[in-house]
PDB file of N, CA and C in Angstrom:
ATOM      1  N   UNK A   1     155.106  48.337  72.271  1.00  0.00           N
ATOM      2  CA  UNK A   1     153.675  48.315  72.019  1.00  0.00           C
ATOM      3  C   UNK A   1     153.380  49.294  70.870  1.00  0.00           C
ATOM      4  N   UNK A   2     152.653  48.807  69.847  1.00  0.00           N
ATOM      5  CA  UNK A   2     152.341  49.674  68.713  1.00  0.00           C
ATOM      6  C   UNK A   2     151.116  50.548  69.023  1.00  0.00           C
ATOM      7  N   UNK A   3     150.808  51.444  68.095  1.00  0.00           N
ATOM      8  CA  UNK A   3     149.704  52.392  68.310  1.00  0.00           C
ATOM      9  C   UNK A   3     148.368  51.712  68.527  1.00  0.00           C
ATOM     10  N   UNK A   4     148.109  50.703  67.725  1.00  0.00           N
ATOM     11  CA  UNK A   4     146.826  50.003  67.806  1.00  0.00           C
ATOM     12  C   UNK A   4     146.658  49.330  69.170  1.00  0.00           C
ATOM     13  N   UNK A   5     147.724  48.697  69.635  1.00  0.00           N
ATOM     14  CA  UNK A   5     147.678  48.038  70.950  1.00  0.00           C
ATOM     15  C   UNK A   5     147.476  49.065  72.059  1.00  0.00           C
ATOM     16  N   UNK A   6     148.181  50.184  71.950  1.00  0.00           N
ATOM     17  CA  UNK A   6     148.056  51.234  72.959  1.00  0.00           C
ATOM     18  C   UNK A   6     146.641  51.815  72.955  1.00  0.00           C
ATOM     19  N   UNK A   7     146.096  51.999  71.782  1.00  0.00           N
ATOM     20  CA  UNK A   7     144.736  52.504  71.651  1.00  0.00           C
ATOM     21  C   UNK A   7     143.748  51.580  72.369  1.00  0.00           C
ATOM     22  N   UNK A   8     143.846  50.285  72.091  1.00  0.00           N
ATOM     23  CA  UNK A   8     142.926  49.322  72.713  1.00  0.00           C
ATOM     24  C   UNK A   8     143.160  49.225  74.224  1.00  0.00           C
ATOM     25  N   UNK A   9     144.398  49.317  74.652  1.00  0.00           N
ATOM     26  CA  UNK A   9     144.696  49.305  76.083  1.00  0.00           C
ATOM     27  C   UNK A   9     143.988  50.458  76.779  1.00  0.00           C
ATOM     28  N   UNK A  10     144.113  51.653  76.211  1.00  0.00           N
ATOM     29  CA  UNK A  10     143.494  52.820  76.824  1.00  0.00           C
ATOM     30  C   UNK A  10     141.982  52.808  76.668  1.00  0.00           C
ATOM     31  N   UNK A  11     141.489  52.257  75.619  1.00  0.00           N
ATOM     32  CA  UNK A  11     140.041  52.118  75.452  1.00  0.00           C
ATOM     33  C   UNK A  11     139.479  51.242  76.575  1.00  0.00           C
ATOM     34  N   UNK A  12     140.173  50.136  76.862  1.00  0.00           N
ATOM     35  CA  UNK A  12     139.767  49.251  77.957  1.00  0.00           C
ATOM     36  C   UNK A  12     139.883  49.953  79.305  1.00  0.00           C
ATOM     37  N   UNK A  13     140.940  50.720  79.474  1.00  0.00           N
ATOM     38  CA  UNK A  13     141.117  51.465  80.731  1.00  0.00           C
ATOM     39  C   UNK A  13     139.973  52.459  80.940  1.00  0.00           C
ATOM     40  N   UNK A  14     139.570  53.139  79.880  1.00  0.00           N
ATOM     41  CA  UNK A  14     138.464  54.100  80.001  1.00  0.00           C
ATOM     42  C   UNK A  14     137.162  53.386  80.362  1.00  0.00           C
ATOM     43  N   UNK A  15     136.951  52.234  79.783  1.00  0.00           N
ATOM     44  CA  UNK A  15     135.757  51.450  80.117  1.00  0.00           C
ATOM     45  C   UNK A  15     135.798  51.009  81.570  1.00  0.00           C
ATOM     46  N   UNK A  16     136.977  50.594  82.040  1.00  0.00           N
ATOM     47  CA  UNK A  16     137.136  50.209  83.450  1.00  0.00           C
ATOM     48  C   UNK A  16     136.853  51.390  84.367  1.00  0.00           C
ATOM     49  N   UNK A  17     137.379  52.553  84.005  1.00  0.00           N
ATOM     50  CA  UNK A  17     137.143  53.754  84.810  1.00  0.00           C
ATOM     51  C   UNK A  17     135.650  54.058  84.885  1.00  0.00           C
ATOM     52  N   UNK A  18     134.971  54.049  83.755  1.00  0.00           N
ATOM     53  CA  UNK A  18     133.533  54.352  83.727  1.00  0.00           C
ATOM     54  C   UNK A  18     132.748  53.379  84.609  1.00  0.00           C
ATOM     55  N   UNK A  19     133.129  52.123  84.578  1.00  0.00           N
ATOM     56  CA  UNK A  19     132.421  51.102  85.351  1.00  0.00           C
ATOM     57  C   UNK A  19     132.748  51.177  86.847  1.00  0.00           C
ATOM     58  N   UNK A  20     133.889  51.778  87.209  1.00  0.00           N
ATOM     59  CA  UNK A  20     134.342  51.776  88.597  1.00  0.00           C
ATOM     60  C   UNK A  20     133.526  52.676  89.510  1.00  0.00           C
ATOM     61  N   UNK A  21     133.036  53.777  88.983  1.00  0.00           N
ATOM     62  CA  UNK A  21     132.315  54.727  89.831  1.00  0.00           C
ATOM     63  C   UNK A  21     133.249  55.625  90.631  1.00  0.00           C
ATOM     64  N   UNK A  22     134.558  55.443  90.462  1.00  0.00           N
ATOM     65  CA  UNK A  22     135.546  56.270  91.154  1.00  0.00           C
ATOM     66  C   UNK A  22     135.678  57.626  90.484  1.00  0.00           C
ATOM     67  N   UNK A  23     136.244  58.569  91.244  1.00  0.00           N
ATOM     68  CA  UNK A  23     136.637  59.823  90.619  1.00  0.00           C
ATOM     69  C   UNK A  23     137.912  59.539  89.831  1.00  0.00           C
ATOM     70  N   UNK A  24     138.290  60.475  88.969  1.00  0.00           N
ATOM     71  CA  UNK A  24     139.514  60.296  88.191  1.00  0.00           C
ATOM     72  C   UNK A  24     140.700  60.131  89.134  1.00  0.00           C
ATOM     73  N   UNK A  25     140.783  60.993  90.136  1.00  0.00           N
ATOM     74  CA  UNK A  25     141.903  60.958  91.085  1.00  0.00           C
ATOM     75  C   UNK A  25     141.961  59.601  91.800  1.00  0.00           C
ATOM     76  N   UNK A  26     140.817  59.102  92.255  1.00  0.00           N
ATOM     77  CA  UNK A  26     140.769  57.811  92.953  1.00  0.00           C
ATOM     78  C   UNK A  26     141.180  56.672  92.023  1.00  0.00           C
ATOM     79  N   UNK A  27     140.647  56.676  90.814  1.00  0.00           N
ATOM     80  CA  UNK A  27     140.927  55.586  89.887  1.00  0.00           C
ATOM     81  C   UNK A  27     142.405  55.560  89.505  1.00  0.00           C
ATOM     82  N   UNK A  28     142.966  56.722  89.184  1.00  0.00           N
ATOM     83  CA  UNK A  28     144.375  56.797  88.791  1.00  0.00           C
ATOM     84  C   UNK A  28     145.274  56.343  89.942  1.00  0.00           C
ATOM     85  N   UNK A  29     144.907  56.696  91.182  1.00  0.00           N
ATOM     86  CA  UNK A  29     145.711  56.316  92.345  1.00  0.00           C
ATOM     87  C   UNK A  29     145.779  54.798  92.503  1.00  0.00           C
ATOM     88  N   UNK A  30     144.750  54.090  92.049  1.00  0.00           N
ATOM     89  CA  UNK A  30     144.720  52.628  92.166  1.00  0.00           C
ATOM     90  C   UNK A  30     145.506  51.936  91.047  1.00  0.00           C
ATOM     91  N   UNK A  31     145.845  52.667  89.996  1.00  0.00           N
ATOM     92  CA  UNK A  31     146.525  52.082  88.844  1.00  0.00           C
ATOM     93  C   UNK A  31     148.037  52.182  89.006  1.00  0.00           C
ATOM     94  N   UNK A  32     148.727  51.309  88.336  1.00  0.00           N
ATOM     95  CA  UNK A  32     150.188  51.359  88.347  1.00  0.00           C
ATOM     96  C   UNK A  32     150.669  52.070  87.076  1.00  0.00           C
ATOM     97  N   UNK A  33     151.563  52.983  87.228  1.00  0.00           N
ATOM     98  CA  UNK A  33     152.233  53.671  86.123  1.00  0.00           C
ATOM     99  C   UNK A  33     151.301  54.460  85.210  1.00  0.00           C
ATOM    100  N   UNK A  34     150.223  54.965  85.763  1.00  0.00           N
ATOM    101  CA  UNK A  34     149.329  55.832  84.987  1.00  0.00           C
ATOM    102  C   UNK A  34     149.249  57.164  85.720  1.00  0.00           C
ATOM    103  N   UNK A  35     149.482  58.230  84.981  1.00  0.00           N
ATOM    104  CA  UNK A  35     149.366  59.564  85.578  1.00  0.00           C
ATOM    105  C   UNK A  35     148.014  60.181  85.192  1.00  0.00           C
ATOM    106  N   UNK A  36     147.601  61.174  85.954  1.00  0.00           N
ATOM    107  CA  UNK A  36     146.371  61.876  85.614  1.00  0.00           C
ATOM    108  C   UNK A  36     146.513  62.582  84.267  1.00  0.00           C
ATOM    109  N   UNK A  37     147.718  63.052  83.975  1.00  0.00           N
ATOM    110  CA  UNK A  37     147.964  63.698  82.690  1.00  0.00           C
ATOM    111  C   UNK A  37     147.675  62.716  81.551  1.00  0.00           C
ATOM    112  N   UNK A  38     148.167  61.475  81.655  1.00  0.00           N
ATOM    113  CA  UNK A  38     147.902  60.471  80.617  1.00  0.00           C
ATOM    114  C   UNK A  38     146.406  60.182  80.517  1.00  0.00           C
ATOM    115  N   UNK A  39     145.776  60.057  81.685  1.00  0.00           N
ATOM    116  CA  UNK A  39     144.352  59.769  81.706  1.00  0.00           C
ATOM    117  C   UNK A  39     143.575  60.854  80.950  1.00  0.00           C
ATOM    118  N   UNK A  40     143.855  62.125  81.283  1.00  0.00           N
ATOM    119  CA  UNK A  40     143.141  63.228  80.636  1.00  0.00           C
ATOM    120  C   UNK A  40     143.449  63.302  79.135  1.00  0.00           C
ATOM    121  N   UNK A  41     144.680  63.012  78.759  1.00  0.00           N
ATOM    122  CA  UNK A  41     145.063  63.011  77.346  1.00  0.00           C
ATOM    123  C   UNK A  41     144.199  62.004  76.578  1.00  0.00           C
ATOM    124  N   UNK A  42     144.136  60.771  77.081  1.00  0.00           N
ATOM    125  CA  UNK A  42     143.394  59.728  76.374  1.00  0.00           C
ATOM    126  C   UNK A  42     141.887  59.942  76.444  1.00  0.00           C
ATOM    127  N   UNK A  43     141.424  60.454  77.568  1.00  0.00           N
ATOM    128  CA  UNK A  43     139.994  60.714  77.684  1.00  0.00           C
ATOM    129  C   UNK A  43     139.563  61.772  76.662  1.00  0.00           C
ATOM    130  N   UNK A  44     140.380  62.820  76.522  1.00  0.00           N
ATOM    131  CA  UNK A  44     140.090  63.864  75.546  1.00  0.00           C
ATOM    132  C   UNK A  44     140.139  63.302  74.127  1.00  0.00           C
ATOM    133  N   UNK A  45     141.117  62.437  73.875  1.00  0.00           N
ATOM    134  CA  UNK A  45     141.267  61.818  72.553  1.00  0.00           C
ATOM    135  C   UNK A  45     140.015  61.007  72.188  1.00  0.00           C
ATOM    136  N   UNK A  46     139.541  60.200  73.114  1.00  0.00           N
ATOM    137  CA  UNK A  46     138.352  59.384  72.852  1.00  0.00           C
ATOM    138  C   UNK A  46     137.099  60.250  72.741  1.00  0.00           C
ATOM    139  N   UNK A  47     137.028  61.307  73.525  1.00  0.00           N
ATOM    140  CA  UNK A  47     135.866  62.189  73.477  1.00  0.00           C
ATOM    141  C   UNK A  47     135.799  62.919  72.134  1.00  0.00           C
ATOM    142  N   UNK A  48     136.938  63.422  71.653  1.00  0.00           N
ATOM    143  CA  UNK A  48     136.929  64.120  70.367  1.00  0.00           C
ATOM    144  C   UNK A  48     136.662  63.141  69.228  1.00  0.00           C
ATOM    145  N   UNK A  49     137.104  61.906  69.373  1.00  0.00           N
ATOM    146  CA  UNK A  49     136.827  60.873  68.371  1.00  0.00           C
ATOM    147  C   UNK A  49     135.330  60.594  68.304  1.00  0.00           C
ATOM    148  N   UNK A  50     134.692  60.504  69.464  1.00  0.00           N
ATOM    149  CA  UNK A  50     133.254  60.260  69.535  1.00  0.00           C
ATOM    150  C   UNK A  50     132.485  61.432  68.935  1.00  0.00           C
ATOM    151  N   UNK A  51     132.911  62.656  69.251  1.00  0.00           N
ATOM    152  CA  UNK A  51     132.252  63.845  68.696  1.00  0.00           C
ATOM    153  C   UNK A  51     132.400  63.893  67.186  1.00  0.00           C
ATOM    154  N   UNK A  52     133.574  63.526  66.698  1.00  0.00           N
ATOM    155  CA  UNK A  52     133.819  63.529  65.263  1.00  0.00           C
ATOM    156  C   UNK A  52     132.909  62.523  64.558  1.00  0.00           C
ATOM    157  N   UNK A  53     132.756  61.348  65.145  1.00  0.00           N
ATOM    158  CA  UNK A  53     131.880  60.329  64.562  1.00  0.00           C
ATOM    159  C   UNK A  53     130.436  60.798  64.569  1.00  0.00           C
ATOM    160  N   UNK A  54     130.020  61.459  65.663  1.00  0.00           N
ATOM    161  CA  UNK A  54     128.646  61.970  65.742  1.00  0.00           C
ATOM    162  C   UNK A  54     128.403  63.021  64.678  1.00  0.00           C
ATOM    163  N   UNK A  55     129.362  63.914  64.489  1.00  0.00           N
ATOM    164  CA  UNK A  55     129.216  64.952  63.468  1.00  0.00           C
ATOM    165  C   UNK A  55     129.150  64.349  62.081  1.00  0.00           C
ATOM    166  N   UNK A  56     129.955  63.325  61.832  1.00  0.00           N
ATOM    167  CA  UNK A  56     129.927  62.680  60.519  1.00  0.00           C
ATOM    168  C   UNK A  56     128.585  62.017  60.267  1.00  0.00           C
ATOM    169  N   UNK A  57     128.017  61.422  61.314  1.00  0.00           N
ATOM    170  CA  UNK A  57     126.718  60.783  61.150  1.00  0.00           C
ATOM    171  C   UNK A  57     125.639  61.822  60.895  1.00  0.00           C
ATOM    172  N   UNK A  58     125.739  62.963  61.571  1.00  0.00           N
ATOM    173  CA  UNK A  58     124.764  64.026  61.360  1.00  0.00           C
ATOM    174  C   UNK A  58     124.899  64.573  59.956  1.00  0.00           C
ATOM    175  N   UNK A  59     126.133  64.861  59.535  1.00  0.00           N
ATOM    176  CA  UNK A  59     126.357  65.468  58.234  1.00  0.00           C
ATOM    177  C   UNK A  59     126.078  64.519  57.082  1.00  0.00           C
ATOM    178  N   UNK A  60     126.256  63.235  57.311  1.00  0.00           N
ATOM    179  CA  UNK A  60     126.042  62.313  56.211  1.00  0.00           C
ATOM    180  C   UNK A  60     124.669  61.658  56.276  1.00  0.00           C
ATOM    181  N   UNK A  61     123.796  62.185  57.091  1.00  0.00           N
ATOM    182  CA  UNK A  61     122.466  61.616  57.231  1.00  0.00           C
ATOM    183  C   UNK A  61     121.527  62.084  56.145  1.00  0.00           C
ATOM    184  N   UNK A  62     121.882  61.849  54.909  1.00  0.00           N
ATOM    185  CA  UNK A  62     121.061  62.268  53.784  1.00  0.00           C
ATOM    186  C   UNK A  62     119.805  61.431  53.721  1.00  0.00           C
ATOM    187  N   UNK A  63     118.762  62.046  53.323  1.00  0.00           N
ATOM    188  CA  UNK A  63     117.496  61.362  53.168  1.00  0.00           C
ATOM    189  C   UNK A  63     117.120  61.373  51.700  1.00  0.00           C
ATOM    190  N   UNK A  64     116.634  60.277  51.250  1.00  0.00           N
ATOM    191  CA  UNK A  64     116.219  60.162  49.865  1.00  0.00           C
ATOM    192  C   UNK A  64     114.764  60.618  49.742  1.00  0.00           C
ATOM    193  N   UNK A  65     114.511  61.459  48.788  1.00  0.00           N
ATOM    194  CA  UNK A  65     113.149  61.928  48.557  1.00  0.00           C
ATOM    195  C   UNK A  65     112.719  61.584  47.140  1.00  0.00           C
ATOM    196  N   UNK A  66     111.478  61.186  47.014  1.00  0.00           N
ATOM    197  CA  UNK A  66     110.912  60.971  45.690  1.00  0.00           C
ATOM    198  C   UNK A  66     110.226  62.261  45.275  1.00  0.00           C
ATOM    199  N   UNK A  67     110.803  62.937  44.319  1.00  0.00           N
ATOM    200  CA  UNK A  67     110.244  64.195  43.837  1.00  0.00           C
ATOM    201  C   UNK A  67     109.510  63.906  42.537  1.00  0.00           C
ATOM    202  N   UNK A  68     108.247  64.240  42.511  1.00  0.00           N
ATOM    203  CA  UNK A  68     107.496  63.960  41.287  1.00  0.00           C
ATOM    204  C   UNK A  68     108.020  64.808  40.142  1.00  0.00           C
ATOM    205  N   UNK A  69     107.958  64.246  38.970  1.00  0.00           N
ATOM    206  CA  UNK A  69     108.389  64.953  37.773  1.00  0.00           C
ATOM    207  C   UNK A  69     107.190  65.674  37.186  1.00  0.00           C
ATOM    208  N   UNK A  70     107.336  66.961  37.078  1.00  0.00           N
ATOM    209  CA  UNK A  70     106.266  67.748  36.481  1.00  0.00           C
ATOM    210  C   UNK A  70     106.654  68.055  35.046  1.00  0.00           C
ATOM    211  N   UNK A  71     105.829  67.612  34.163  1.00  0.00           N
ATOM    212  CA  UNK A  71     106.108  67.900  32.763  1.00  0.00           C
ATOM    213  C   UNK A  71     105.187  69.019  32.322  1.00  0.00           C
ATOM    214  N   UNK A  72     105.764  69.948  31.667  1.00  0.00           N
ATOM    215  CA  UNK A  72     104.950  71.020  31.113  1.00  0.00           C
ATOM    216  C   UNK A  72     104.615  70.632  29.688  1.00  0.00           C
ATOM    217  N   UNK A  73     103.378  70.653  29.407  1.00  0.00           N
ATOM    218  CA  UNK A  73     102.941  70.252  28.087  1.00  0.00           C
ATOM    219  C   UNK A  73     102.296  71.459  27.410  1.00  0.00           C
ATOM    220  N   UNK A  74     103.034  72.021  26.519  1.00  0.00           N
ATOM    221  CA  UNK A  74     102.506  73.175  25.787  1.00  0.00           C
ATOM    222  C   UNK A  74     102.074  72.762  24.392  1.00  0.00           C
ATOM    223  N   UNK A  75     101.760  71.500  24.268  1.00  0.00           N
ATOM    224  CA  UNK A  75     101.273  71.006  22.970  1.00  0.00           C
ATOM    225  C   UNK A  75      99.877  71.561  22.717  1.00  0.00           C
ATOM    226  N   UNK A  76      99.487  71.539  21.449  1.00  0.00           N
ATOM    227  CA  UNK A  76      98.173  72.062  21.045  1.00  0.00           C
ATOM    228  C   UNK A  76      97.383  70.927  20.399  1.00  0.00           C
ATOM    229  N   UNK A  77      96.114  70.894  20.743  1.00  0.00           N
ATOM    230  CA  UNK A  77      95.237  69.929  20.085  1.00  0.00           C
ATOM    231  C   UNK A  77      94.084  70.706  19.456  1.00  0.00           C
ATOM    232  N   UNK A  78      93.944  70.567  18.139  1.00  0.00           N
ATOM    233  CA  UNK A  78      92.869  71.236  17.407  1.00  0.00           C
ATOM    234  C   UNK A  78      91.784  70.215  17.088  1.00  0.00           C
ATOM    235  N   UNK A  79      90.532  70.605  17.352  1.00  0.00           N
ATOM    236  CA  UNK A  79      89.413  69.712  17.036  1.00  0.00           C
ATOM    237  C   UNK A  79      88.398  70.471  16.183  1.00  0.00           C
ATOM    238  N   UNK A  80      88.037  69.815  15.141  1.00  0.00           N
ATOM    239  CA  UNK A  80      87.023  70.376  14.252  1.00  0.00           C
ATOM    240  C   UNK A  80      86.126  69.226  13.808  1.00  0.00           C
ATOM    241  N   UNK A  81      84.919  69.241  14.325  1.00  0.00           N
ATOM    242  CA  UNK A  81      83.979  68.146  14.099  1.00  0.00           C
ATOM    243  C   UNK A  81      84.616  66.814  14.534  1.00  0.00           C
ATOM    244  N   UNK A  82      84.761  65.892  13.588  1.00  0.00           N
ATOM    245  CA  UNK A  82      85.343  64.594  13.942  1.00  0.00           C
ATOM    246  C   UNK A  82      86.841  64.531  13.653  1.00  0.00           C
ATOM    247  N   UNK A  83      87.437  65.679  13.317  1.00  0.00           N
ATOM    248  CA  UNK A  83      88.865  65.737  13.022  1.00  0.00           C
ATOM    249  C   UNK A  83      89.603  66.285  14.248  1.00  0.00           C
ATOM    250  N   UNK A  84      90.679  65.617  14.627  1.00  0.00           N
ATOM    251  CA  UNK A  84      91.499  66.059  15.760  1.00  0.00           C
ATOM    252  C   UNK A  84      92.953  66.080  15.331  1.00  0.00           C
ATOM    253  N   UNK A  85      93.631  67.221  15.566  1.00  0.00           N
ATOM    254  CA  UNK A  85      95.041  67.361  15.192  1.00  0.00           C
ATOM    255  C   UNK A  85      95.829  67.702  16.451  1.00  0.00           C
ATOM    256  N   UNK A  86      96.806  66.886  16.721  1.00  0.00           N
ATOM    257  CA  UNK A  86      97.683  67.104  17.881  1.00  0.00           C
ATOM    258  C   UNK A  86      98.994  67.705  17.387  1.00  0.00           C
ATOM    259  N   UNK A  87      99.374  68.847  17.954  1.00  0.00           N
ATOM    260  CA  UNK A  87     100.601  69.529  17.537  1.00  0.00           C
ATOM    261  C   UNK A  87     101.553  69.559  18.729  1.00  0.00           C
ATOM    262  N   UNK A  88     102.634  68.778  18.664  1.00  0.00           N
ATOM    263  CA  UNK A  88     103.574  68.736  19.792  1.00  0.00           C
ATOM    264  C   UNK A  88     104.297  70.071  19.971  1.00  0.00           C
ATOM    265  N   UNK A  89     104.790  70.292  21.158  1.00  0.00           N
ATOM    266  CA  UNK A  89     105.411  71.576  21.476  1.00  0.00           C
ATOM    267  C   UNK A  89     106.686  71.840  20.684  1.00  0.00           C
ATOM    268  N   UNK A  90     107.355  70.791  20.220  1.00  0.00           N
ATOM    269  CA  UNK A  90     108.626  71.000  19.524  1.00  0.00           C
ATOM    270  C   UNK A  90     108.484  71.013  17.998  1.00  0.00           C
ATOM    271  N   UNK A  91     107.258  71.179  17.517  1.00  0.00           N
ATOM    272  CA  UNK A  91     107.050  71.210  16.074  1.00  0.00           C
ATOM    273  C   UNK A  91     107.615  72.520  15.506  1.00  0.00           C
ATOM    274  N   UNK A  92     108.164  72.433  14.322  1.00  0.00           N
ATOM    275  CA  UNK A  92     108.717  73.644  13.699  1.00  0.00           C
ATOM    276  C   UNK A  92     107.577  74.504  13.156  1.00  0.00           C
ATOM    277  N   UNK A  93     107.807  75.780  13.111  1.00  0.00           N
ATOM    278  CA  UNK A  93     106.805  76.707  12.591  1.00  0.00           C
ATOM    279  C   UNK A  93     106.481  76.400  11.124  1.00  0.00           C
ATOM    280  N   UNK A  94     107.504  76.056  10.394  1.00  0.00           N
ATOM    281  CA  UNK A  94     107.331  75.736   8.969  1.00  0.00           C
ATOM    282  C   UNK A  94     106.400  74.534   8.795  1.00  0.00           C
ATOM    283  N   UNK A  95     106.614  73.517   9.586  1.00  0.00           N
ATOM    284  CA  UNK A  95     105.787  72.310   9.489  1.00  0.00           C
ATOM    285  C   UNK A  95     104.343  72.618   9.876  1.00  0.00           C
ATOM    286  N   UNK A  96     104.144  73.417  10.902  1.00  0.00           N
ATOM    287  CA  UNK A  96     102.800  73.780  11.344  1.00  0.00           C
ATOM    288  C   UNK A  96     102.066  74.565  10.248  1.00  0.00           C
ATOM    289  N   UNK A  97     102.784  75.464   9.596  1.00  0.00           N
ATOM    290  CA  UNK A  97     102.170  76.229   8.496  1.00  0.00           C
ATOM    291  C   UNK A  97     101.705  75.301   7.370  1.00  0.00           C
ATOM    292  N   UNK A  98     102.513  74.305   7.033  1.00  0.00           N
ATOM    293  CA  UNK A  98     102.128  73.354   5.983  1.00  0.00           C
ATOM    294  C   UNK A  98     100.870  72.584   6.368  1.00  0.00           C
ATOM    295  N   UNK A  99     100.801  72.141   7.644  1.00  0.00           N
ATOM    296  CA  UNK A  99      99.615  71.398   8.115  1.00  0.00           C
ATOM    297  C   UNK A  99      98.395  72.274   8.050  1.00  0.00           C
ATOM    298  N   UNK A 100      98.494  73.528   8.468  1.00  0.00           N
ATOM    299  CA  UNK A 100      97.344  74.432   8.434  1.00  0.00           C
ATOM    300  C   UNK A 100      96.897  74.724   6.998  1.00  0.00           C
ATOM    301  N   UNK A 101      97.846  74.868   6.072  1.00  0.00           N
ATOM    302  CA  UNK A 101      97.517  75.077   4.664  1.00  0.00           C
ATOM    303  C   UNK A 101      96.713  73.902   4.107  1.00  0.00           C
ATOM    304  N   UNK A 102      97.155  72.698   4.431  1.00  0.00           N
ATOM    305  CA  UNK A 102      96.461  71.505   3.953  1.00  0.00           C
ATOM    306  C   UNK A 102      95.041  71.469   4.523  1.00  0.00           C
ATOM    307  N   UNK A 103      94.904  71.796   5.784  1.00  0.00           N
ATOM    308  CA  UNK A 103      93.577  71.764   6.409  1.00  0.00           C
ATOM    309  C   UNK A 103      92.645  72.812   5.792  1.00  0.00           C
ATOM    310  N   UNK A 104      93.179  73.984   5.494  1.00  0.00           N
ATOM    311  CA  UNK A 104      92.375  75.043   4.875  1.00  0.00           C
ATOM    312  C   UNK A 104      91.912  74.662   3.472  1.00  0.00           C
ATOM    313  N   UNK A 105      92.834  74.056   2.753  1.00  0.00           N
ATOM    314  CA  UNK A 105      92.544  73.725   1.350  1.00  0.00           C
ATOM    315  C   UNK A 105      91.830  72.383   1.202  1.00  0.00           C
ATOM    316  N   UNK A 106      91.788  71.611   2.272  1.00  0.00           N
ATOM    317  CA  UNK A 106      91.246  70.271   2.182  1.00  0.00           C
ATOM    318  C   UNK A 106      89.811  70.253   2.011  1.00  0.00           C
TER     319      UNK A 106
END
C-alpha cells in the first residue's frame, strides 16, 4: 500500500471513529490490526494538518483596499484682470523668470 492509499485509509478510519460515538479505546478494540498507538499517530497527523491549513488561510487572508490617490498640487495660478497664467509645479526657475519678464514688459 502506497502513502496516498494509506492516507485515505486512515482518513476514512478517523471519519468512522468520529461517527461511532465510541471512545478511542472502545473503537480500537473493535478494529482488527489497529493499535491505539497507530490511532493516536494518525489522529495527531490529521489534526496538525488541519491546524496548518487554518493558519495558512488566516495568514493568506489578504484584503484588497482601494486607497485614494492624493495628489499634491503646488502649481501656481496668477490672475490679473482677464489674464490668467498657470505655472506647473515642475517649471524651471529660468523659464518662470522669462515669463514674468514678458508680463512686466508687455
